[in-house]
Amino acid sequence: MQEDGGATKRKAGFLETVKAVASSFFGVRGGRAHRQDMSRLNPLHVIIVGIMLAAAFVVTLLLVARAVVG
């Protein structure tokens, strides 16, 4: 017996993973959407996207600091 009502869940694509991680990164995820997305996300993709977004955030901060100071 299937728990999801007979519907098959598809895996989240790269863009959906980026959206889920980015919204979690900025703290704007809703409770229901978070639970639905987490079951579809690949943990390896989440880690990779999280590292990429964190690196982009650090680079952005460095560029802004350089522009303000310089």
N, C-alpha and C. Protein backbone atom coordinates (compact mmCIF):
# COMPACT_ATOMS: atom_id res chain seq x y z
N MET A 1 0.84 -1.18 0.00
CA MET A 1 0.00 0.00 0.00
C MET A 1 0.89 1.24 0.00
N GLN A 2 0.58 2.19 -0.86
CA GLN A 2 1.37 3.40 -0.96
C GLN A 2 0.82 4.46 -0.01
N GLU A 3 1.72 5.19 0.65
CA GLU A 3 1.31 6.20 1.61
C GLU A 3 0.94 7.52 0.95
N ASP A 4 1.37 7.74 -0.28
CA ASP A 4 1.15 9.03 -0.92
C ASP A 4 -0.13 9.07 -1.75
N GLY A 5 -1.05 8.18 -1.50
CA GLY A 5 -2.32 8.20 -2.20
C GLY A 5 -2.26 7.67 -3.60
N GLY A 6 -1.23 6.88 -3.93
CA GLY A 6 -1.12 6.29 -5.24
C GLY A 6 -0.31 7.11 -6.22
N ALA A 7 -0.04 8.35 -5.91
CA ALA A 7 0.74 9.21 -6.81
C ALA A 7 2.22 8.95 -6.59
N THR A 8 2.96 8.89 -7.67
CA THR A 8 4.40 8.69 -7.54
C THR A 8 5.07 10.05 -7.44
N LYS A 9 6.02 10.16 -6.52
CA LYS A 9 6.74 11.42 -6.34
C LYS A 9 7.95 11.43 -7.25
N ARG A 10 8.14 12.51 -7.97
CA ARG A 10 9.32 12.63 -8.82
C ARG A 10 10.38 13.38 -8.04
N LYS A 11 11.62 13.14 -8.41
CA LYS A 11 12.74 13.81 -7.77
C LYS A 11 12.79 15.27 -8.22
N ALA A 12 13.23 16.13 -7.34
CA ALA A 12 13.35 17.54 -7.66
C ALA A 12 14.51 17.76 -8.61
N GLY A 13 14.34 18.65 -9.56
CA GLY A 13 15.40 19.00 -10.49
C GLY A 13 16.38 19.98 -9.87
N PHE A 14 17.39 20.36 -10.64
CA PHE A 14 18.43 21.24 -10.13
C PHE A 14 17.86 22.61 -9.74
N LEU A 15 17.01 23.19 -10.60
CA LEU A 15 16.45 24.50 -10.32
C LEU A 15 15.55 24.46 -9.08
N GLU A 16 14.79 23.41 -8.92
CA GLU A 16 13.94 23.27 -7.73
C GLU A 16 14.80 23.14 -6.47
N THR A 17 15.93 22.44 -6.59
CA THR A 17 16.84 22.30 -5.46
C THR A 17 17.44 23.65 -5.10
N VAL A 18 17.83 24.43 -6.11
CA VAL A 18 18.39 25.76 -5.86
C VAL A 18 17.35 26.65 -5.17
N LYS A 19 16.12 26.60 -5.64
CA LYS A 19 15.06 27.40 -5.02
C LYS A 19 14.82 26.99 -3.57
N ALA A 20 14.80 25.69 -3.30
CA ALA A 20 14.56 25.22 -1.94
C ALA A 20 15.70 25.62 -1.01
N VAL A 21 16.94 25.46 -1.47
CA VAL A 21 18.09 25.80 -0.63
C VAL A 21 18.19 27.31 -0.44
N ALA A 22 17.96 28.08 -1.51
CA ALA A 22 18.04 29.53 -1.40
C ALA A 22 16.98 30.08 -0.44
N SER A 23 15.78 29.58 -0.53
CA SER A 23 14.74 30.06 0.38
C SER A 23 15.02 29.63 1.81
N SER A 24 15.59 28.47 2.01
CA SER A 24 15.99 28.04 3.35
C SER A 24 17.16 28.88 3.84
N PHE A 25 18.05 29.22 2.95
CA PHE A 25 19.23 30.02 3.29
C PHE A 25 18.82 31.39 3.83
N PHE A 26 17.76 31.95 3.25
CA PHE A 26 17.29 33.26 3.70
C PHE A 26 16.15 33.17 4.71
N GLY A 27 15.73 31.98 5.06
CA GLY A 27 14.76 31.78 6.13
C GLY A 27 13.33 32.13 5.78
N VAL A 28 12.92 31.90 4.55
CA VAL A 28 11.56 32.26 4.14
C VAL A 28 10.72 31.04 3.78
N ARG A 29 11.12 29.86 4.20
CA ARG A 29 10.38 28.65 3.86
C ARG A 29 9.19 28.47 4.78
N GLY A 30 8.08 28.04 4.20
CA GLY A 30 6.91 27.71 4.99
C GLY A 30 7.00 26.28 5.50
N GLY A 31 6.30 25.98 6.55
CA GLY A 31 6.36 24.65 7.15
C GLY A 31 5.88 23.55 6.22
N ARG A 32 4.74 23.73 5.59
CA ARG A 32 4.18 22.70 4.72
C ARG A 32 5.03 22.49 3.47
N ALA A 33 5.46 23.59 2.85
CA ALA A 33 6.28 23.49 1.64
C ALA A 33 7.61 22.83 1.97
N HIS A 34 8.14 23.12 3.12
CA HIS A 34 9.42 22.55 3.53
C HIS A 34 9.32 21.03 3.64
N ARG A 35 8.28 20.55 4.27
CA ARG A 35 8.11 19.09 4.44
C ARG A 35 7.90 18.40 3.10
N GLN A 36 7.17 19.03 2.19
CA GLN A 36 6.92 18.42 0.89
C GLN A 36 8.19 18.36 0.07
N ASP A 37 8.99 19.40 0.08
CA ASP A 37 10.21 19.45 -0.72
C ASP A 37 11.29 18.52 -0.18
N MET A 38 11.39 18.41 1.11
CA MET A 38 12.48 17.63 1.70
C MET A 38 12.44 16.16 1.28
N SER A 39 11.27 15.63 1.05
CA SER A 39 11.18 14.23 0.66
C SER A 39 11.64 14.01 -0.79
N ARG A 40 11.67 15.06 -1.59
CA ARG A 40 12.05 14.92 -3.00
C ARG A 40 13.50 15.30 -3.27
N LEU A 41 14.15 16.01 -2.36
CA LEU A 41 15.48 16.52 -2.62
C LEU A 41 16.55 15.46 -2.40
N ASN A 42 17.55 15.50 -3.25
CA ASN A 42 18.71 14.62 -3.11
C ASN A 42 19.68 15.29 -2.14
N PRO A 43 20.06 14.63 -1.06
CA PRO A 43 20.94 15.26 -0.06
C PRO A 43 22.27 15.73 -0.64
N LEU A 44 22.83 15.01 -1.58
CA LEU A 44 24.10 15.42 -2.18
C LEU A 44 23.93 16.73 -2.95
N HIS A 45 22.84 16.86 -3.67
CA HIS A 45 22.56 18.09 -4.41
C HIS A 45 22.36 19.26 -3.45
N VAL A 46 21.68 19.01 -2.34
CA VAL A 46 21.45 20.06 -1.35
C VAL A 46 22.78 20.56 -0.78
N ILE A 47 23.69 19.66 -0.49
CA ILE A 47 25.00 20.03 0.05
C ILE A 47 25.78 20.85 -0.98
N ILE A 48 25.79 20.39 -2.22
CA ILE A 48 26.53 21.08 -3.28
C ILE A 48 25.97 22.49 -3.50
N VAL A 49 24.65 22.59 -3.61
CA VAL A 49 24.02 23.90 -3.83
C VAL A 49 24.24 24.80 -2.62
N GLY A 50 24.18 24.25 -1.42
CA GLY A 50 24.42 25.04 -0.22
C GLY A 50 25.82 25.62 -0.18
N ILE A 51 26.81 24.82 -0.56
CA ILE A 51 28.19 25.31 -0.60
C ILE A 51 28.35 26.38 -1.67
N MET A 52 27.72 26.17 -2.82
CA MET A 52 27.80 27.16 -3.90
C MET A 52 27.16 28.48 -3.48
N LEU A 53 26.00 28.43 -2.85
CA LEU A 53 25.33 29.66 -2.42
C LEU A 53 26.10 30.37 -1.31
N ALA A 54 26.69 29.61 -0.40
CA ALA A 54 27.49 30.21 0.66
C ALA A 54 28.72 30.90 0.07
N ALA A 55 29.36 30.26 -0.90
CA ALA A 55 30.53 30.86 -1.55
C ALA A 55 30.12 32.14 -2.30
N ALA A 56 29.00 32.11 -2.98
CA ALA A 56 28.52 33.30 -3.69
C ALA A 56 28.21 34.42 -2.72
N PHE A 57 27.67 34.09 -1.56
CA PHE A 57 27.38 35.09 -0.54
C PHE A 57 28.66 35.74 -0.02
N VAL A 58 29.68 34.94 0.25
CA VAL A 58 30.96 35.47 0.73
C VAL A 58 31.61 36.36 -0.33
N VAL A 59 31.60 35.92 -1.58
CA VAL A 59 32.18 36.71 -2.66
C VAL A 59 31.43 38.04 -2.80
N THR A 60 30.12 38.01 -2.69
CA THR A 60 29.33 39.23 -2.77
C THR A 60 29.69 40.19 -1.64
N LEU A 61 29.82 39.67 -0.43
CA LEU A 61 30.22 40.52 0.70
C LEU A 61 31.59 41.13 0.48
N LEU A 62 32.53 40.35 -0.05
CA LEU A 62 33.86 40.87 -0.31
C LEU A 62 33.83 41.97 -1.38
N LEU A 63 33.07 41.78 -2.42
CA LEU A 63 32.96 42.79 -3.47
C LEU A 63 32.33 44.08 -2.96
N VAL A 64 31.30 43.95 -2.14
CA VAL A 64 30.65 45.13 -1.57
C VAL A 64 31.62 45.86 -0.65
N ALA A 65 32.35 45.13 0.18
CA ALA A 65 33.32 45.75 1.09
C ALA A 65 34.42 46.47 0.32
N ARG A 66 34.90 45.85 -0.76
CA ARG A 66 35.92 46.48 -1.60
C ARG A 66 35.40 47.75 -2.25
N ALA A 67 34.16 47.74 -2.71
CA ALA A 67 33.58 48.91 -3.35
C ALA A 67 33.39 50.05 -2.34
N VAL A 68 33.02 49.72 -1.13
CA VAL A 68 32.80 50.75 -0.12
C VAL A 68 34.13 51.34 0.35
N VAL A 69 35.11 50.48 0.61
CA VAL A 69 36.40 50.94 1.11
C VAL A 69 37.21 51.61 0.02
N GLY A 70 37.19 51.05 -1.17
CA GLY A 70 38.02 51.57 -2.26
C GLY A 70 37.34 52.66 -2.94
